[in-house]
Amino acid sequence: MHCVSPAPSHSNAARQVAARFPPQSSKRSNTLQIEIKVALEYQLSPDENVLLTLEVAETEGQTIRESSLCIDKATLMRIEGEGGVGQRVWAKILGDRLNLRYCAKVDVTRPDVALDGLAAMPIHSLPTEALTCLRPSRFCQSDLFTDFVGQRFGHLSGGAKVAAIAQWVKAETYYVSGSSDGKTTAVDTFVSRQGVCRDFAHLTCSLVRAANIPARYVSVYGIDVVPPDFHAATQIWLEGAWQLLDATGMSTASRLVIIGAGRDAADVAFLETSQWAQLIHQSVIVE
């Protein structure tokens, strides 16, 4: 079994067994301690290379206290996460089965922020990371929602518009397990008015981008998520920073742990393989 802790993303990262993280802040108020336990078992094609995006990111509002990733019969190499958020892991599996255990303890200090009073930034002042998240993507066809957003939310601006969009998505979309699949787009969800967290996040991203406000898809762990699983949320660029939002209403920014971020789910899938992969067992515990 190969067990490692997150390390800087360079070629010999897989050979490191420990990492040093920034010291914890002395301010302990409003800190939520979250423990994460993930177990995966998949049947794979022989000697498959698997790309994993499931480790907690070292990013603003959260600090990793402990972290361990253990994979049977595997050689690991870390690379930077999409958009520079977190890290991804290439796992070269010896054999035809992925057996993985991941554990982490995280301090979350991210506050819950009322979006209504936050201003959107002029497009010409956006940094590259935000500008990219204005454009349509595979699952977020924001260009197809421009008329709807203008008619429904055109009287609002900035954070007030984002808050109204999030409220609309939550009110108009039913959370129905198994109602969508890996091909479901934001347009599909808009028509069916049902989906899972992935679909809520895609629809929110699409509507916000259609309002000319950057939005990106975020993979997260959440202690309030039912049923327990990998979860999806949205980050909106307001007043020069990413603001975290859970359109399902299951959780809030202060109770979520960020894994990675991208244009849509295709950028931050927790597991990617070049060949088929058959689920045997999967569990996600966040407490």
Protein backbone atom coordinates (compact mmCIF):
# COMPACT_ATOMS: atom_id res chain seq x y z
CA MET A 1 0.00 0.00 0.00
CA HIS A 2 1.34 3.41 -0.99
CA CYS A 3 0.45 6.11 1.57
CA VAL A 4 1.44 9.74 1.12
CA SER A 5 0.54 13.18 2.36
CA PRO A 6 0.03 16.10 -0.06
CA ALA A 7 3.28 17.56 -1.35
CA PRO A 8 4.32 20.28 -3.80
CA SER A 9 3.48 19.34 -7.39
CA HIS A 10 6.82 18.31 -8.91
CA SER A 11 8.06 15.07 -10.43
CA ASN A 12 9.29 13.42 -7.24
CA ALA A 13 6.20 14.27 -5.20
CA ALA A 14 5.06 10.65 -5.22
CA ARG A 15 8.18 9.63 -3.30
CA GLN A 16 7.54 12.07 -0.47
CA VAL A 17 5.64 10.76 2.52
CA ALA A 18 4.99 13.99 4.34
CA ALA A 19 4.35 17.64 3.61
CA ARG A 20 4.76 20.83 5.53
CA PHE A 21 1.84 23.20 5.67
CA PRO A 22 1.60 26.83 6.76
CA PRO A 23 1.21 27.27 10.54
CA GLN A 24 -2.33 27.50 11.80
CA SER A 25 -3.69 30.91 12.65
CA SER A 26 -3.77 31.87 16.30
CA LYS A 27 -7.33 33.07 15.84
CA ARG A 28 -9.50 30.12 16.73
CA SER A 29 -12.86 31.86 16.76
CA ASN A 30 -15.36 30.85 14.06
CA THR A 31 -13.28 27.81 13.16
CA LEU A 32 -15.10 24.65 12.13
CA GLN A 33 -13.10 21.42 12.35
CA ILE A 34 -14.13 18.91 9.70
CA GLU A 35 -12.95 15.32 9.29
CA ILE A 36 -13.17 13.58 5.91
CA LYS A 37 -12.93 9.86 5.19
CA VAL A 38 -13.12 8.48 1.65
CA ALA A 39 -12.97 4.82 0.56
CA LEU A 40 -13.00 3.81 -3.12
CA GLU A 41 -12.80 0.41 -4.76
CA TYR A 42 -13.06 0.11 -8.55
CA GLN A 43 -12.41 -2.66 -11.04
CA LEU A 44 -10.18 -1.31 -13.82
CA SER A 45 -8.50 -2.33 -17.03
CA PRO A 46 -5.08 -3.87 -16.23
CA ASP A 47 -2.31 -1.39 -15.32
CA GLU A 48 -4.52 1.66 -15.72
CA ASN A 49 -3.46 5.25 -15.10
CA VAL A 50 -6.05 6.99 -12.92
CA LEU A 51 -6.34 10.75 -12.44
CA LEU A 52 -7.74 11.65 -9.01
CA THR A 53 -9.11 14.96 -7.78
CA LEU A 54 -10.25 14.28 -4.23
CA GLU A 55 -7.66 15.71 -1.85
CA VAL A 56 -8.55 18.87 0.06
CA ALA A 57 -7.01 22.02 -1.44
CA GLU A 58 -4.78 24.37 0.49
CA THR A 59 -6.71 27.54 -0.24
CA GLU A 60 -8.09 30.62 1.46
CA GLY A 61 -10.57 29.90 4.23
CA GLN A 62 -9.38 26.39 5.04
CA THR A 63 -6.25 24.84 6.54
CA ILE A 64 -5.28 21.16 6.36
CA ARG A 65 -4.23 19.81 9.76
CA GLU A 66 -3.79 16.16 8.75
CA SER A 67 -4.01 14.38 5.42
CA SER A 68 -3.22 10.88 4.16
CA LEU A 69 -3.85 9.17 0.82
CA CYS A 70 -3.31 5.40 0.64
CA ILE A 71 -3.61 3.39 -2.58
CA ASP A 72 -2.78 -0.31 -2.92
CA LYS A 73 -0.12 -1.26 -5.47
CA ALA A 74 0.22 2.16 -7.05
CA THR A 75 2.87 4.66 -8.07
CA LEU A 76 1.78 8.26 -7.53
CA MET A 77 2.67 11.60 -9.08
CA ARG A 78 1.09 14.93 -8.15
CA ILE A 79 0.31 17.79 -10.54
CA GLU A 80 -1.26 21.19 -10.05
CA GLY A 81 -5.05 21.34 -9.88
CA GLU A 82 -7.15 23.00 -12.55
CA GLY A 83 -6.74 26.77 -12.40
CA GLY A 84 -4.09 26.39 -9.70
CA VAL A 85 -6.63 25.23 -7.11
CA GLY A 86 -5.41 22.23 -5.12
CA GLN A 87 -3.61 19.24 -6.60
CA ARG A 88 -4.44 16.23 -8.73
CA VAL A 89 -2.84 12.80 -8.43
CA TRP A 90 -1.85 10.44 -11.22
CA ALA A 91 -1.97 6.88 -9.87
CA LYS A 92 -0.37 4.12 -11.95
CA ILE A 93 -2.22 1.02 -10.74
CA LEU A 94 -0.34 -2.29 -10.81
CA GLY A 95 -3.07 -4.82 -11.53
CA ASP A 96 -6.75 -4.30 -12.24
CA ARG A 97 -8.21 -2.90 -9.02
CA LEU A 98 -8.16 0.52 -7.38
CA ASN A 99 -8.25 0.33 -3.57
CA LEU A 100 -8.04 3.81 -2.08
CA ARG A 101 -8.36 5.36 1.37
CA TYR A 102 -8.17 9.10 1.95
CA CYS A 103 -8.43 10.84 5.33
CA ALA A 104 -8.12 14.52 6.20
CA LYS A 105 -8.78 16.90 9.08
CA VAL A 106 -9.43 20.48 8.08
CA ASP A 107 -10.02 23.78 9.89
CA VAL A 108 -12.52 25.92 8.00
CA THR A 109 -12.46 29.65 8.81
CA ARG A 110 -14.39 30.83 5.75
CA PRO A 111 -17.30 33.07 6.78
CA ASP A 112 -20.79 33.04 5.32
CA VAL A 113 -21.06 36.22 3.26
CA ALA A 114 -24.30 37.89 2.19
CA LEU A 115 -23.93 38.28 -1.56
CA ASP A 116 -26.58 40.99 -1.94
CA GLY A 117 -24.26 43.83 -0.96
CA LEU A 118 -21.29 42.78 -3.11
CA ALA A 119 -20.48 44.46 -6.40
CA ALA A 120 -19.62 42.80 -9.69
CA MET A 121 -16.34 43.90 -11.29
CA PRO A 122 -16.09 45.51 -14.75
CA ILE A 123 -15.11 42.93 -17.36
CA HIS A 124 -11.96 44.84 -18.34
CA SER A 125 -10.66 44.58 -14.75
CA LEU A 126 -11.06 40.80 -14.40
CA PRO A 127 -7.98 38.60 -13.86
CA THR A 128 -7.43 35.66 -16.19
CA GLU A 129 -8.80 33.12 -13.73
CA ALA A 130 -12.11 35.00 -13.59
CA LEU A 131 -12.28 35.97 -17.29
CA THR A 132 -12.09 32.31 -18.29
CA CYS A 133 -15.18 31.64 -16.16
CA LEU A 134 -17.31 34.08 -18.15
CA ARG A 135 -17.31 31.85 -21.22
CA PRO A 136 -19.61 28.95 -22.12
CA SER A 137 -18.25 25.46 -21.47
CA ARG A 138 -19.22 21.87 -22.24
CA PHE A 139 -21.88 21.57 -19.53
CA CYS A 140 -22.55 25.27 -18.93
CA GLN A 141 -23.94 26.76 -22.16
CA SER A 142 -24.27 30.24 -20.70
CA ASP A 143 -24.70 31.85 -24.13
CA LEU A 144 -28.09 30.14 -24.45
CA PHE A 145 -29.43 31.80 -21.29
CA THR A 146 -28.69 35.46 -22.07
CA ASP A 147 -32.27 36.39 -22.99
CA PHE A 148 -33.80 34.55 -20.03
CA VAL A 149 -31.43 36.13 -17.52
CA GLY A 150 -32.00 39.58 -18.99
CA GLN A 151 -35.78 39.24 -18.80
CA ARG A 152 -35.93 37.56 -15.39
CA PHE A 153 -33.09 39.29 -13.50
CA GLY A 154 -32.28 42.35 -15.62
CA HIS A 155 -33.54 44.77 -12.97
CA LEU A 156 -30.81 43.62 -10.55
CA SER A 157 -27.03 43.93 -10.52
CA GLY A 158 -23.95 42.45 -8.86
CA GLY A 159 -24.40 40.28 -5.81
CA ALA A 160 -28.11 40.99 -5.63
CA LYS A 161 -28.52 39.46 -9.08
CA VAL A 162 -26.41 36.43 -8.11
CA ALA A 163 -28.45 35.91 -4.92
CA ALA A 164 -31.69 36.10 -6.90
CA ILE A 165 -30.39 33.58 -9.45
CA ALA A 166 -29.37 31.17 -6.68
CA GLN A 167 -32.76 31.50 -5.03
CA TRP A 168 -34.48 30.86 -8.36
CA VAL A 169 -32.41 27.73 -9.04
CA LYS A 170 -33.18 26.34 -5.57
CA ALA A 171 -36.91 27.13 -5.84
CA GLU A 172 -37.39 25.92 -9.41
CA THR A 173 -35.24 22.77 -9.40
CA TYR A 174 -36.04 19.56 -7.54
CA TYR A 175 -33.19 17.54 -6.08
CA VAL A 176 -33.82 14.00 -7.39
CA SER A 177 -31.11 11.34 -7.01
CA GLY A 178 -30.48 9.45 -10.24
CA SER A 179 -32.34 12.00 -12.37
CA SER A 180 -29.27 12.90 -14.44
CA ASP A 181 -26.06 11.37 -15.72
CA GLY A 182 -22.60 12.35 -16.91
CA LYS A 183 -23.97 13.83 -20.13
CA THR A 184 -26.60 16.10 -18.56
CA THR A 185 -26.04 19.79 -19.32
CA ALA A 186 -27.36 22.98 -17.77
CA VAL A 187 -29.89 23.26 -20.62
CA ASP A 188 -31.17 19.75 -19.84
CA THR A 189 -31.59 20.69 -16.17
CA PHE A 190 -33.32 23.97 -17.06
CA VAL A 191 -35.87 22.01 -19.11
CA SER A 192 -36.41 19.07 -16.72
CA ARG A 193 -36.25 21.20 -13.54
CA GLN A 194 -34.62 18.36 -11.63
CA GLY A 195 -31.13 17.06 -10.93
CA VAL A 196 -28.42 16.49 -8.34
CA CYS A 197 -25.77 18.84 -6.93
CA ARG A 198 -23.75 18.69 -10.15
CA ASP A 199 -26.75 19.95 -12.11
CA PHE A 200 -27.58 22.70 -9.61
CA ALA A 201 -23.99 23.95 -9.89
CA HIS A 202 -23.98 23.79 -13.71
CA LEU A 203 -27.26 25.69 -13.97
CA THR A 204 -26.13 28.33 -11.47
CA CYS A 205 -22.81 28.81 -13.29
CA SER A 206 -24.61 29.16 -16.63
CA LEU A 207 -27.14 31.74 -15.45
CA VAL A 208 -24.54 33.82 -13.60
CA ARG A 209 -22.17 33.79 -16.59
CA ALA A 210 -25.09 34.84 -18.79
CA ALA A 211 -25.30 37.92 -16.54
CA ASN A 212 -21.63 38.70 -17.36
CA ILE A 213 -20.44 37.71 -13.89
CA PRO A 214 -17.70 35.03 -13.63
CA ALA A 215 -18.77 31.73 -12.08
CA ARG A 216 -16.95 28.43 -11.74
CA TYR A 217 -17.83 24.89 -10.72
CA VAL A 218 -16.33 23.76 -7.40
CA SER A 219 -15.95 20.21 -6.09
CA VAL A 220 -16.33 20.14 -2.31
CA TYR A 221 -16.93 18.08 0.80
CA GLY A 222 -19.86 19.18 2.97
CA ILE A 223 -20.90 18.02 6.42
CA ASP A 224 -24.59 18.66 5.66
CA VAL A 225 -24.76 16.80 2.35
CA VAL A 226 -27.45 14.10 2.13
CA PRO A 227 -26.79 11.45 0.97
CA PRO A 228 -23.07 11.73 1.88
CA ASP A 229 -21.01 11.93 -1.30
CA PHE A 230 -18.68 14.14 -3.30
CA HIS A 231 -20.56 17.44 -3.58
CA ALA A 232 -20.68 20.32 -6.07
CA ALA A 233 -21.01 24.04 -5.42
CA THR A 234 -20.32 27.32 -7.24
CA GLN A 235 -17.87 30.19 -6.80
CA ILE A 236 -18.82 33.66 -8.01
CA TRP A 237 -16.30 36.46 -8.64
CA LEU A 238 -17.57 39.50 -6.70
CA GLU A 239 -15.55 42.45 -5.37
CA GLY A 240 -12.26 40.89 -6.43
CA ALA A 241 -12.66 37.49 -4.76
CA TRP A 242 -14.33 34.13 -5.22
CA GLN A 243 -17.49 33.79 -3.12
CA LEU A 244 -18.62 30.22 -2.38
CA LEU A 245 -22.28 29.29 -2.88
CA ASP A 246 -24.22 26.02 -2.57
CA ALA A 247 -27.29 26.35 -4.81
CA THR A 248 -28.83 23.13 -3.45
CA GLY A 249 -29.27 24.86 -0.10
CA MET A 250 -27.81 21.84 1.69
CA SER A 251 -24.83 23.75 3.04
CA THR A 252 -23.16 27.15 3.28
CA ALA A 253 -19.67 28.50 2.58
CA SER A 254 -18.57 28.11 6.20
CA ARG A 255 -19.44 24.40 6.20
CA LEU A 256 -17.83 23.34 2.91
CA VAL A 257 -14.29 22.14 2.14
CA ILE A 258 -12.95 22.90 -1.34
CA ILE A 259 -11.25 20.17 -3.40
CA GLY A 260 -10.89 21.81 -6.82
CA ALA A 261 -12.47 24.27 -9.24
CA GLY A 262 -12.97 24.53 -12.99
CA ARG A 263 -15.29 25.60 -15.77
CA ASP A 264 -17.61 22.65 -15.11
CA ALA A 265 -17.59 19.07 -13.80
CA ALA A 266 -15.35 17.88 -16.62
CA ASP A 267 -12.45 19.85 -15.14
CA VAL A 268 -12.67 18.41 -11.62
CA ALA A 269 -14.00 14.84 -11.85
CA PHE A 270 -12.90 12.94 -8.73
CA LEU A 271 -11.79 9.95 -10.84
CA GLU A 272 -10.81 9.74 -14.52
CA THR A 273 -9.62 6.73 -16.50
CA SER A 274 -8.87 6.15 -20.17
CA GLN A 275 -10.69 2.81 -20.16
CA TRP A 276 -13.77 1.49 -18.38
CA ALA A 277 -14.04 1.51 -14.58
CA GLN A 278 -16.58 -0.55 -12.61
CA LEU A 279 -17.68 0.64 -9.17
CA ILE A 280 -17.34 -1.98 -6.43
CA HIS A 281 -17.55 0.20 -3.31
CA GLN A 282 -17.55 3.91 -2.56
CA SER A 283 -18.11 5.82 0.66
CA VAL A 284 -17.65 9.45 1.66
CA ILE A 285 -17.96 10.44 5.33
CA VAL A 286 -17.76 14.10 6.36
CA GLU A 287 -18.25 15.02 9.99
